[in-house]
């Protein structure tokens, strides 16, 4: 799934990176990890929904 791959790439970027700048606001490593964990949660929910649809 294209959506899942994009989400996984975003997770890797935020989880493994250093500081990031978004709209001229710099995120710390801690902030980046919080975003990564939120994206992981989103991915888990999406996979859960897709699994329920198959049942």
Protein backbone atom coordinates (compact mmCIF):
# COMPACT_ATOMS: atom_id res chain seq x y z
CA UNK A 1 0.00 0.00 0.00
CA UNK A 2 1.33 3.37 -1.00
CA UNK A 3 -0.07 5.10 2.11
CA UNK A 4 1.62 2.61 4.44
CA UNK A 5 4.99 2.98 2.73
CA UNK A 6 4.84 6.77 2.91
CA UNK A 7 3.89 6.62 6.57
CA UNK A 8 6.73 4.20 7.32
CA UNK A 9 9.20 6.53 5.59
CA UNK A 10 7.97 9.48 7.64
CA UNK A 11 8.32 7.45 10.82
CA UNK A 12 11.91 6.58 9.93
CA UNK A 13 12.75 10.20 9.14
CA UNK A 14 11.38 11.55 12.39
CA UNK A 15 12.59 8.69 14.58
CA UNK A 16 16.18 8.51 13.30
CA UNK A 17 16.85 12.15 12.58
CA UNK A 18 18.23 15.01 14.50
CA UNK A 19 16.56 18.42 14.55
CA UNK A 20 14.05 19.41 11.89
CA UNK A 21 12.66 22.70 10.71
CA UNK A 22 8.97 22.90 9.84
CA UNK A 23 7.53 26.27 8.81
CA UNK A 24 10.59 28.02 10.30
CA UNK A 25 10.09 26.21 13.63
CA UNK A 26 12.90 23.90 14.72
CA UNK A 27 11.94 20.61 16.34
CA UNK A 28 14.23 19.01 18.88
CA UNK A 29 15.09 15.31 18.77
CA UNK A 30 12.56 14.78 21.57
CA UNK A 31 9.84 16.57 19.57
CA UNK A 32 10.73 14.54 16.48
CA UNK A 33 10.37 11.31 18.44
CA UNK A 34 6.96 12.38 19.74
CA UNK A 35 5.83 12.93 16.16
CA UNK A 36 7.26 9.53 15.19
CA UNK A 37 5.35 7.80 17.99
CA UNK A 38 2.14 9.53 16.89
CA UNK A 39 2.74 8.35 13.32
CA UNK A 40 3.39 4.81 14.60
CA UNK A 41 0.07 4.91 16.42
CA UNK A 42 -1.65 6.10 13.23
CA UNK A 43 -0.06 3.25 11.29
CA UNK A 44 -1.18 0.70 13.89
CA UNK A 45 -4.74 2.02 13.78
CA UNK A 46 -4.78 1.89 10.00
CA UNK A 47 -3.50 -1.70 9.99
CA UNK A 48 -6.09 -2.64 12.62
CA UNK A 49 -8.92 -1.16 10.53
CA UNK A 50 -7.68 -2.93 7.40
CA UNK A 51 -7.50 -6.24 9.28
CA UNK A 52 -11.07 -5.78 10.56
CA UNK A 53 -12.29 -5.16 7.00
CA UNK A 54 -10.82 -8.49 5.91
CA UNK A 55 -12.71 -10.39 8.61
